Amino acid sequence: MHTMWKGSISFGLVNIPVKLHAATEDKDISLRNLHKECHAPIKYEKVCSACGKEVEKEEIVRAFEYTKGKYVVLEDKELEQLKKENEDKAVEIVDFVKLEEIDPIYYNKSYFMSPNEGGGKAYSLLRKALETSGKVGIARISIRSKEQMAIIRVMENTLLMETIHYPDEVRSFQDVPNIPSGDNVTQKELDTAIMLIDQLTEVFKPEKYKDEFRTALMDLIESKKNGETVTAKETAGKPSGNVTDLMAMLQASIDKTKPTVAKKTTRKKSISKEKKQA
């Protein structure tokens, strides 16, 4: 597994040398833009919006737009100095909290942490302490010149670091439009919805879930690569967002998701009754 960062975890006076490894990977299929006529890739050139001149890399500076059309230009050396001051290659744990106190909306990106040379025992100590206390660490870390908050927790036998958003990066739920102010549902509707939830409840098994669009797209690419004729499949339309009869839709959902075993058992019981009556 590729090492993307080396540094240390510190809490109190304890210092643990660690390596960081990306825990997830982007599986999206990347498509290129081609010229329709000759199937050659399209180039994207850097052109000045004012004079129309093509700009070389050394002619480009970075800036912050503080109001429309007004910029503060930042020199490369100024940005580099800030980067050096803030990137001390340390994950500093500042607090310990319960995991359930952190809403998932704050989670950003996950990284596995492995001990670097000489850090095995301290790594094991932190892992065991987190497991025993039932807590997670809230930490600060600088990655690629950006300071981020993170949590450090245990996953199986490995320390996992998950970067989290700052509170001012999470938008307020009060800004979401058209949220009903009250629960305008009947008890029967609620009971039926709970029944549907119970019927669809499973133990979480990540391997059960597949990216169906990515699979279908790869199948299409492979077919076209092999010169096969591809016919678009007709898919059943999904119900519209206009709910005319909520109870009917709930009941239809329950009927559709009933376990087949239950249906067979019911059938056997009815056959037995018929025999007894005969």
C-alpha atoms as a PDB file:
ATOM      1  CA  MET A   1       0.000   0.000   0.000  1.00  0.00           C
ATOM      2  CA  HIS A   2       1.417   3.369  -1.069  1.00  0.00           C
ATOM      3  CA  THR A   3       2.679   5.678   1.720  1.00  0.00           C
ATOM      4  CA  MET A   4       1.368   9.186   1.068  1.00  0.00           C
ATOM      5  CA  TRP A   5       2.565  10.932   4.249  1.00  0.00           C
ATOM      6  CA  LYS A   6       5.038  10.333   7.076  1.00  0.00           C
ATOM      7  CA  GLY A   7       4.917  12.053  10.445  1.00  0.00           C
ATOM      8  CA  SER A   8       3.818  11.355  13.999  1.00  0.00           C
ATOM      9  CA  ILE A   9       0.801  11.241  16.299  1.00  0.00           C
ATOM     10  CA  SER A  10       1.192  13.163  19.533  1.00  0.00           C
ATOM     11  CA  PHE A  11      -1.047  13.228  22.595  1.00  0.00           C
ATOM     12  CA  GLY A  12       0.335  14.680  25.797  1.00  0.00           C
ATOM     13  CA  LEU A  13       4.053  13.843  25.750  1.00  0.00           C
ATOM     14  CA  VAL A  14       3.551  10.583  23.819  1.00  0.00           C
ATOM     15  CA  ASN A  15       4.872  10.658  20.231  1.00  0.00           C
ATOM     16  CA  ILE A  16       4.149   7.858  17.733  1.00  0.00           C
ATOM     17  CA  PRO A  17       5.919   7.819  14.328  1.00  0.00           C
ATOM     18  CA  VAL A  18       3.358   6.817  11.687  1.00  0.00           C
ATOM     19  CA  LYS A  19       2.719   6.498   7.965  1.00  0.00           C
ATOM     20  CA  LEU A  20      -0.524   7.463   6.244  1.00  0.00           C
ATOM     21  CA  HIS A  21      -2.175   5.374   3.505  1.00  0.00           C
ATOM     22  CA  ALA A  22      -5.345   6.279   1.568  1.00  0.00           C
ATOM     23  CA  ALA A  23      -8.127   4.011   2.840  1.00  0.00           C
ATOM     24  CA  THR A  24     -10.399   4.546  -0.156  1.00  0.00           C
ATOM     25  CA  GLU A  25      -9.968   4.938  -3.918  1.00  0.00           C
ATOM     26  CA  ASP A  26     -12.023   6.607  -6.619  1.00  0.00           C
ATOM     27  CA  LYS A  27     -13.436   3.975  -8.968  1.00  0.00           C
ATOM     28  CA  ASP A  28     -15.207   6.424 -11.298  1.00  0.00           C
ATOM     29  CA  ILE A  29     -14.629   5.734 -14.987  1.00  0.00           C
ATOM     30  CA  SER A  30     -12.886   8.691 -16.626  1.00  0.00           C
ATOM     31  CA  LEU A  31     -14.080   9.618 -20.118  1.00  0.00           C
ATOM     32  CA  ARG A  32     -12.065  11.809 -22.514  1.00  0.00           C
ATOM     33  CA  ASN A  33     -13.471  14.506 -24.790  1.00  0.00           C
ATOM     34  CA  LEU A  34     -12.593  13.883 -28.458  1.00  0.00           C
ATOM     35  CA  HIS A  35     -13.102  15.793 -31.698  1.00  0.00           C
ATOM     36  CA  LYS A  36     -16.183  14.146 -33.241  1.00  0.00           C
ATOM     37  CA  GLU A  37     -14.713  14.299 -36.769  1.00  0.00           C
ATOM     38  CA  CYS A  38     -11.274  12.680 -36.230  1.00  0.00           C
ATOM     39  CA  HIS A  39     -11.498  11.236 -32.656  1.00  0.00           C
ATOM     40  CA  ALA A  40      -8.424  13.145 -31.431  1.00  0.00           C
ATOM     41  CA  PRO A  41      -8.287  14.373 -27.782  1.00  0.00           C
ATOM     42  CA  ILE A  42      -9.288  18.004 -27.193  1.00  0.00           C
ATOM     43  CA  LYS A  43      -6.628  20.306 -25.717  1.00  0.00           C
ATOM     44  CA  TYR A  44      -7.473  22.859 -23.056  1.00  0.00           C
ATOM     45  CA  GLU A  45      -5.249  25.904 -23.342  1.00  0.00           C
ATOM     46  CA  LYS A  46      -4.752  28.608 -20.701  1.00  0.00           C
ATOM     47  CA  VAL A  47      -5.946  31.853 -22.279  1.00  0.00           C
ATOM     48  CA  CYS A  48      -6.230  35.296 -20.656  1.00  0.00           C
ATOM     49  CA  SER A  49      -9.889  36.383 -20.488  1.00  0.00           C
ATOM     50  CA  ALA A  50      -8.956  40.056 -21.111  1.00  0.00           C
ATOM     51  CA  CYS A  51      -6.395  40.053 -23.956  1.00  0.00           C
ATOM     52  CA  GLY A  52      -7.074  36.599 -25.411  1.00  0.00           C
ATOM     53  CA  LYS A  53      -3.359  35.723 -25.263  1.00  0.00           C
ATOM     54  CA  GLU A  54      -2.299  32.131 -24.520  1.00  0.00           C
ATOM     55  CA  VAL A  55      -0.458  32.214 -21.157  1.00  0.00           C
ATOM     56  CA  GLU A  56       2.606  30.162 -20.223  1.00  0.00           C
ATOM     57  CA  LYS A  57       2.944  28.563 -16.789  1.00  0.00           C
ATOM     58  CA  GLU A  58       5.586  31.069 -15.591  1.00  0.00           C
ATOM     59  CA  GLU A  59       3.235  33.975 -16.422  1.00  0.00           C
ATOM     60  CA  ILE A  60       0.519  32.763 -14.033  1.00  0.00           C
ATOM     61  CA  VAL A  61       0.170  34.073 -10.461  1.00  0.00           C
ATOM     62  CA  ARG A  62      -2.288  33.031  -7.736  1.00  0.00           C
ATOM     63  CA  ALA A  63      -4.781  35.423  -6.203  1.00  0.00           C
ATOM     64  CA  PHE A  64      -7.862  35.698  -3.977  1.00  0.00           C
ATOM     65  CA  GLU A  65     -10.960  37.425  -5.363  1.00  0.00           C
ATOM     66  CA  TYR A  66     -12.269  39.420  -2.378  1.00  0.00           C
ATOM     67  CA  THR A  67     -14.974  41.160  -4.422  1.00  0.00           C
ATOM     68  CA  LYS A  68     -16.108  40.852  -8.061  1.00  0.00           C
ATOM     69  CA  GLY A  69     -13.127  41.689 -10.283  1.00  0.00           C
ATOM     70  CA  LYS A  70     -10.870  42.711  -7.345  1.00  0.00           C
ATOM     71  CA  TYR A  71      -7.945  40.471  -6.416  1.00  0.00           C
ATOM     72  CA  VAL A  72      -5.192  40.169  -3.821  1.00  0.00           C
ATOM     73  CA  VAL A  73      -2.163  38.620  -5.556  1.00  0.00           C
ATOM     74  CA  LEU A  74      -0.156  36.154  -3.454  1.00  0.00           C
ATOM     75  CA  GLU A  75       3.490  35.428  -4.229  1.00  0.00           C
ATOM     76  CA  ASP A  76       4.723  31.819  -4.420  1.00  0.00           C
ATOM     77  CA  LYS A  77       7.339  32.501  -1.713  1.00  0.00           C
ATOM     78  CA  GLU A  78       4.626  33.833   0.636  1.00  0.00           C
ATOM     79  CA  LEU A  79       2.526  30.688   0.144  1.00  0.00           C
ATOM     80  CA  GLU A  80       5.590  28.455   0.597  1.00  0.00           C
ATOM     81  CA  GLN A  81       6.466  30.198   3.876  1.00  0.00           C
ATOM     82  CA  LEU A  82       2.944  29.662   5.212  1.00  0.00           C
ATOM     83  CA  LYS A  83       3.099  26.034   4.128  1.00  0.00           C
ATOM     84  CA  LYS A  84       6.398  25.463   5.999  1.00  0.00           C
ATOM     85  CA  GLU A  85       5.066  27.126   9.156  1.00  0.00           C
ATOM     86  CA  ASN A  86       1.928  24.978   9.242  1.00  0.00           C
ATOM     87  CA  GLU A  87       3.196  21.630   7.960  1.00  0.00           C
ATOM     88  CA  ASP A  88       5.158  20.218  10.894  1.00  0.00           C
ATOM     89  CA  LYS A  89       4.326  16.621   9.967  1.00  0.00           C
ATOM     90  CA  ALA A  90       2.476  15.952  13.223  1.00  0.00           C
ATOM     91  CA  VAL A  91      -1.025  14.736  14.025  1.00  0.00           C
ATOM     92  CA  GLU A  92      -1.751  16.468  17.306  1.00  0.00           C
ATOM     93  CA  ILE A  93      -4.599  14.930  19.325  1.00  0.00           C
ATOM     94  CA  VAL A  94      -6.239  17.799  21.208  1.00  0.00           C
ATOM     95  CA  ASP A  95      -9.310  16.058  22.712  1.00  0.00           C
ATOM     96  CA  PHE A  96     -10.930  12.667  23.190  1.00  0.00           C
ATOM     97  CA  VAL A  97     -14.682  12.272  22.613  1.00  0.00           C
ATOM     98  CA  LYS A  98     -17.300   9.560  22.043  1.00  0.00           C
ATOM     99  CA  LEU A  99     -17.696   8.597  18.368  1.00  0.00           C
ATOM    100  CA  GLU A 100     -21.498   8.800  18.531  1.00  0.00           C
ATOM    101  CA  GLU A 101     -21.227  12.496  19.389  1.00  0.00           C
ATOM    102  CA  ILE A 102     -19.916  13.248  15.870  1.00  0.00           C
ATOM    103  CA  ASP A 103     -22.568  13.497  13.165  1.00  0.00           C
ATOM    104  CA  PRO A 104     -21.534  11.717   9.900  1.00  0.00           C
ATOM    105  CA  ILE A 105     -22.067  14.993   7.978  1.00  0.00           C
ATOM    106  CA  TYR A 106     -18.637  16.069   9.266  1.00  0.00           C
ATOM    107  CA  TYR A 107     -16.743  13.099   7.742  1.00  0.00           C
ATOM    108  CA  ASN A 108     -14.567  13.803   4.717  1.00  0.00           C
ATOM    109  CA  LYS A 109     -11.799  11.327   3.745  1.00  0.00           C
ATOM    110  CA  SER A 110     -10.384   8.184   5.397  1.00  0.00           C
ATOM    111  CA  TYR A 111      -6.752   7.116   5.848  1.00  0.00           C
ATOM    112  CA  PHE A 112      -5.173   4.027   7.374  1.00  0.00           C
ATOM    113  CA  MET A 113      -2.309   4.697   9.787  1.00  0.00           C
ATOM    114  CA  SER A 114       0.596   2.283  10.201  1.00  0.00           C
ATOM    115  CA  PRO A 115       3.502   2.589  12.657  1.00  0.00           C
ATOM    116  CA  ASN A 116       6.776   3.922  11.282  1.00  0.00           C
ATOM    117  CA  GLU A 117      10.134   2.639  12.514  1.00  0.00           C
ATOM    118  CA  GLY A 118      10.238   2.383  16.302  1.00  0.00           C
ATOM    119  CA  GLY A 119       6.556   3.223  16.717  1.00  0.00           C
ATOM    120  CA  GLY A 120       5.071  -0.256  17.111  1.00  0.00           C
ATOM    121  CA  LYS A 121       4.628  -0.309  20.896  1.00  0.00           C
ATOM    122  CA  ALA A 122       3.263   3.239  21.218  1.00  0.00           C
ATOM    123  CA  TYR A 123       0.929   2.525  18.267  1.00  0.00           C
ATOM    124  CA  SER A 124      -0.384  -0.579  20.074  1.00  0.00           C
ATOM    125  CA  LEU A 125      -0.797   1.408  23.290  1.00  0.00           C
ATOM    126  CA  LEU A 126      -2.922   4.112  21.620  1.00  0.00           C
ATOM    127  CA  ARG A 127      -4.994   1.479  19.797  1.00  0.00           C
ATOM    128  CA  LYS A 128      -5.682  -0.445  23.033  1.00  0.00           C
ATOM    129  CA  ALA A 129      -6.407   2.758  24.996  1.00  0.00           C
ATOM    130  CA  LEU A 130      -8.961   3.899  22.392  1.00  0.00           C
ATOM    131  CA  GLU A 131     -10.619   0.470  22.342  1.00  0.00           C
ATOM    132  CA  THR A 132     -10.793   0.232  26.142  1.00  0.00           C
ATOM    133  CA  SER A 133     -12.032   3.782  26.711  1.00  0.00           C
ATOM    134  CA  GLY A 134     -14.526   3.683  23.836  1.00  0.00           C
ATOM    135  CA  LYS A 135     -13.283   7.106  22.748  1.00  0.00           C
ATOM    136  CA  VAL A 136     -11.844   8.613  19.555  1.00  0.00           C
ATOM    137  CA  GLY A 137      -9.193  11.304  19.279  1.00  0.00           C
ATOM    138  CA  ILE A 138      -9.897  14.743  17.799  1.00  0.00           C
ATOM    139  CA  ALA A 139      -6.710  15.872  16.048  1.00  0.00           C
ATOM    140  CA  ARG A 140      -5.173  18.608  13.905  1.00  0.00           C
ATOM    141  CA  ILE A 141      -3.119  17.729  10.827  1.00  0.00           C
ATOM    142  CA  SER A 142      -1.702  19.584   7.809  1.00  0.00           C
ATOM    143  CA  ILE A 143      -1.935  17.710   4.495  1.00  0.00           C
ATOM    144  CA  ARG A 144      -0.865  19.355   1.237  1.00  0.00           C
ATOM    145  CA  SER A 145      -0.603  22.795   2.873  1.00  0.00           C
ATOM    146  CA  LYS A 146      -4.156  22.662   4.256  1.00  0.00           C
ATOM    147  CA  GLU A 147      -4.781  22.373   7.997  1.00  0.00           C
ATOM    148  CA  GLN A 148      -7.570  19.943   8.723  1.00  0.00           C
ATOM    149  CA  MET A 149      -9.384  18.485  11.687  1.00  0.00           C
ATOM    150  CA  ALA A 150      -9.546  14.721  11.974  1.00  0.00           C
ATOM    151  CA  ILE A 151     -10.676  11.888  14.200  1.00  0.00           C
ATOM    152  CA  ILE A 152      -8.487   8.925  15.048  1.00  0.00           C
ATOM    153  CA  ARG A 153     -10.308   5.691  15.798  1.00  0.00           C
ATOM    154  CA  VAL A 154      -9.777   1.940  15.692  1.00  0.00           C
ATOM    155  CA  MET A 155     -11.008  -0.183  12.773  1.00  0.00           C
ATOM    156  CA  GLU A 156     -10.383  -3.907  13.327  1.00  0.00           C
ATOM    157  CA  ASN A 157      -6.731  -3.847  14.513  1.00  0.00           C
ATOM    158  CA  THR A 158      -5.719  -0.677  12.629  1.00  0.00           C
ATOM    159  CA  LEU A 159      -5.751   3.009  13.528  1.00  0.00           C
ATOM    160  CA  LEU A 160      -7.918   4.928  11.083  1.00  0.00           C
ATOM    161  CA  MET A 161      -7.792   8.675  10.592  1.00  0.00           C
ATOM    162  CA  GLU A 162     -10.805  10.415   9.086  1.00  0.00           C
ATOM    163  CA  THR A 163     -10.528  14.082   8.174  1.00  0.00           C
ATOM    164  CA  ILE A 164     -13.604  16.048   9.174  1.00  0.00           C
ATOM    165  CA  HIS A 165     -15.080  19.357   8.074  1.00  0.00           C
ATOM    166  CA  TYR A 166     -14.845  22.448  10.242  1.00  0.00           C
ATOM    167  CA  PRO A 167     -18.246  23.604  11.563  1.00  0.00           C
ATOM    168  CA  ASP A 168     -18.257  26.664   9.256  1.00  0.00           C
ATOM    169  CA  GLU A 169     -17.861  24.329   6.242  1.00  0.00           C
ATOM    170  CA  VAL A 170     -21.140  22.540   7.056  1.00  0.00           C
ATOM    171  CA  ARG A 171     -24.213  24.380   5.849  1.00  0.00           C
ATOM    172  CA  SER A 172     -27.115  24.953   8.242  1.00  0.00           C
ATOM    173  CA  PHE A 173     -30.127  22.646   7.994  1.00  0.00           C
ATOM    174  CA  GLN A 174     -32.241  25.788   8.496  1.00  0.00           C
ATOM    175  CA  ASP A 175     -31.281  26.901   4.972  1.00  0.00           C
ATOM    176  CA  VAL A 176     -32.840  23.802   3.363  1.00  0.00           C
ATOM    177  CA  PRO A 177     -36.038  24.849   1.526  1.00  0.00           C
ATOM    178  CA  ASN A 178     -39.512  23.277   1.716  1.00  0.00           C
ATOM    179  CA  ILE A 179     -39.010  21.201   4.887  1.00  0.00           C
ATOM    180  CA  PRO A 180     -42.410  20.298   6.458  1.00  0.00           C
ATOM    181  CA  SER A 181     -42.750  21.941   9.878  1.00  0.00           C
ATOM    182  CA  GLY A 182     -44.677  19.031  11.410  1.00  0.00           C
ATOM    183  CA  ASP A 183     -45.342  15.297  10.969  1.00  0.00           C
ATOM    184  CA  ASN A 184     -48.588  15.230   9.046  1.00  0.00           C
ATOM    185  CA  VAL A 185     -48.936  11.428   8.984  1.00  0.00           C
ATOM    186  CA  THR A 186     -51.520   9.030  10.367  1.00  0.00           C
ATOM    187  CA  GLN A 187     -50.695   6.261  12.833  1.00  0.00           C
ATOM    188  CA  LYS A 188     -51.634   3.653  10.195  1.00  0.00           C
ATOM    189  CA  GLU A 189     -49.193   5.177   7.690  1.00  0.00           C
ATOM    190  CA  LEU A 190     -46.451   5.227  10.332  1.00  0.00           C
ATOM    191  CA  ASP A 191     -47.092   1.605  11.386  1.00  0.00           C
ATOM    192  CA  THR A 192     -46.998   0.475   7.738  1.00  0.00           C
ATOM    193  CA  ALA A 193     -43.759   2.388   7.098  1.00  0.00           C
ATOM    194  CA  ILE A 194     -42.165   0.805  10.202  1.00  0.00           C
ATOM    195  CA  MET A 195     -43.294  -2.616   8.958  1.00  0.00           C
ATOM    196  CA  LEU A 196     -41.597  -1.955   5.594  1.00  0.00           C
ATOM    197  CA  ILE A 197     -38.394  -0.831   7.360  1.00  0.00           C
ATOM    198  CA  ASP A 198     -38.407  -3.996   9.508  1.00  0.00           C
ATOM    199  CA  GLN A 199     -38.918  -6.130   6.415  1.00  0.00           C
ATOM    200  CA  LEU A 200     -35.954  -4.510   4.641  1.00  0.00           C
ATOM    201  CA  THR A 201     -33.650  -4.533   7.693  1.00  0.00           C
ATOM    202  CA  GLU A 202     -30.424  -6.522   7.202  1.00  0.00           C
ATOM    203  CA  VAL A 203     -27.017  -6.852   8.827  1.00  0.00           C
ATOM    204  CA  PHE A 204     -24.729  -4.375   7.038  1.00  0.00           C
ATOM    205  CA  LYS A 205     -22.518  -6.245   4.558  1.00  0.00           C
ATOM    206  CA  PRO A 206     -20.569  -3.748   2.377  1.00  0.00           C
ATOM    207  CA  GLU A 207     -19.745  -6.379  -0.247  1.00  0.00           C
ATOM    208  CA  LYS A 208     -23.474  -6.701  -1.034  1.00  0.00           C
ATOM    209  CA  TYR A 209     -23.588  -3.251  -2.646  1.00  0.00           C
ATOM    210  CA  LYS A 210     -22.246  -2.677  -6.167  1.00  0.00           C
ATOM    211  CA  ASP A 211     -21.931   0.355  -8.418  1.00  0.00           C
ATOM    212  CA  GLU A 212     -24.425  -0.819 -11.053  1.00  0.00           C
ATOM    213  CA  PHE A 213     -23.892   2.190 -13.322  1.00  0.00           C
ATOM    214  CA  ARG A 214     -20.101   1.689 -13.417  1.00  0.00           C
ATOM    215  CA  THR A 215     -20.553  -2.036 -14.172  1.00  0.00           C
ATOM    216  CA  ALA A 216     -23.023  -1.307 -16.981  1.00  0.00           C
ATOM    217  CA  LEU A 217     -20.745   1.412 -18.393  1.00  0.00           C
ATOM    218  CA  MET A 218     -17.739  -0.955 -18.446  1.00  0.00           C
ATOM    219  CA  ASP A 219     -19.874  -3.630 -20.152  1.00  0.00           C
ATOM    220  CA  LEU A 220     -20.887  -1.078 -22.779  1.00  0.00           C
ATOM    221  CA  ILE A 221     -17.254  -0.011 -23.317  1.00  0.00           C
ATOM    222  CA  GLU A 222     -16.092  -3.639 -23.651  1.00  0.00           C
ATOM    223  CA  SER A 223     -18.902  -4.453 -26.116  1.00  0.00           C
ATOM    224  CA  LYS A 224     -18.125  -1.450 -28.313  1.00  0.00           C
ATOM    225  CA  LYS A 225     -14.388  -2.165 -28.111  1.00  0.00           C
ATOM    226  CA  ASN A 226     -15.079  -5.674 -29.446  1.00  0.00           C
ATOM    227  CA  GLY A 227     -17.217  -4.298 -32.281  1.00  0.00           C
ATOM    228  CA  GLU A 228     -20.512  -5.624 -30.932  1.00  0.00           C
ATOM    229  CA  THR A 229     -23.826  -3.933 -31.668  1.00  0.00           C
ATOM    230  CA  VAL A 230     -25.304  -2.511 -28.489  1.00  0.00           C
ATOM    231  CA  THR A 231     -29.064  -2.144 -28.011  1.00  0.00           C
ATOM    232  CA  ALA A 232     -30.287   0.039 -25.183  1.00  0.00           C
ATOM    233  CA  LYS A 233     -32.261  -1.917 -22.597  1.00  0.00           C
ATOM    234  CA  GLU A 234     -35.666  -0.704 -21.565  1.00  0.00           C
ATOM    235  CA  THR A 235     -35.888  -0.037 -17.857  1.00  0.00           C
ATOM    236  CA  ALA A 236     -39.004   0.072 -15.781  1.00  0.00           C
ATOM    237  CA  GLY A 237     -39.941   3.625 -14.903  1.00  0.00           C
ATOM    238  CA  LYS A 238     -39.626   4.656 -11.282  1.00  0.00           C
ATOM    239  CA  PRO A 239     -42.667   6.013  -9.463  1.00  0.00           C
ATOM    240  CA  SER A 240     -43.054   9.769  -9.838  1.00  0.00           C
ATOM    241  CA  GLY A 241     -42.475  12.108  -6.924  1.00  0.00           C
ATOM    242  CA  ASN A 242     -46.201  12.972  -6.898  1.00  0.00           C
ATOM    243  CA  VAL A 243     -47.525  10.727  -4.123  1.00  0.00           C
ATOM    244  CA  THR A 244     -51.247  10.324  -4.702  1.00  0.00           C
ATOM    245  CA  ASP A 245     -51.888   7.407  -2.346  1.00  0.00           C
ATOM    246  CA  LEU A 246     -49.126   6.959   0.238  1.00  0.00           C
ATOM    247  CA  MET A 247     -50.751   3.946   1.920  1.00  0.00           C
ATOM    248  CA  ALA A 248     -51.176   2.113  -1.395  1.00  0.00           C
ATOM    249  CA  MET A 249     -47.499   2.669  -2.244  1.00  0.00           C
ATOM    250  CA  LEU A 250     -46.381   1.501   1.207  1.00  0.00           C
ATOM    251  CA  GLN A 251     -48.532  -1.623   0.985  1.00  0.00           C
ATOM    252  CA  ALA A 252     -47.305  -2.382  -2.535  1.00  0.00           C
ATOM    253  CA  SER A 253     -43.716  -2.018  -1.297  1.00  0.00           C
ATOM    254  CA  ILE A 254     -44.362  -4.449   1.567  1.00  0.00           C
ATOM    255  CA  ASP A 255     -45.958  -6.988  -0.817  1.00  0.00           C
ATOM    256  CA  LYS A 256     -43.018  -6.664  -3.226  1.00  0.00           C
ATOM    257  CA  THR A 257     -40.383  -7.185  -0.523  1.00  0.00           C
ATOM    258  CA  LYS A 258     -42.050 -10.027   1.397  1.00  0.00           C
ATOM    259  CA  PRO A 259     -39.607 -12.937   1.843  1.00  0.00           C
ATOM    260  CA  THR A 260     -40.375 -15.815  -0.538  1.00  0.00           C
ATOM    261  CA  VAL A 261     -40.068 -18.292   2.369  1.00  0.00           C
ATOM    262  CA  ALA A 262     -42.953 -16.619   4.133  1.00  0.00           C
ATOM    263  CA  LYS A 263     -45.129 -16.983   1.019  1.00  0.00           C
ATOM    264  CA  LYS A 264     -44.323 -20.717   0.724  1.00  0.00           C
ATOM    265  CA  THR A 265     -45.117 -21.276   4.419  1.00  0.00           C
ATOM    266  CA  THR A 266     -48.474 -19.528   4.042  1.00  0.00           C
ATOM    267  CA  ARG A 267     -49.254 -21.675   0.986  1.00  0.00           C
ATOM    268  CA  LYS A 268     -48.437 -24.904   2.892  1.00  0.00           C
ATOM    269  CA  LYS A 269     -50.699 -23.863   5.774  1.00  0.00           C
ATOM    270  CA  SER A 270     -53.620 -23.176   3.452  1.00  0.00           C
ATOM    271  CA  ILE A 271     -53.153 -26.571   1.717  1.00  0.00           C
ATOM    272  CA  SER A 272     -53.161 -28.318   5.136  1.00  0.00           C
ATOM    273  CA  LYS A 273     -56.399 -26.544   6.068  1.00  0.00           C
ATOM    274  CA  GLU A 274     -58.021 -27.659   2.814  1.00  0.00           C
ATOM    275  CA  LYS A 275     -57.036 -31.276   3.477  1.00  0.00           C
ATOM    276  CA  LYS A 276     -58.449 -31.193   7.030  1.00  0.00           C
ATOM    277  CA  GLN A 277     -61.722 -29.676   5.803  1.00  0.00           C
ATOM    278  CA  ALA A 278     -61.952 -32.406   3.144  1.00  0.00           C
END
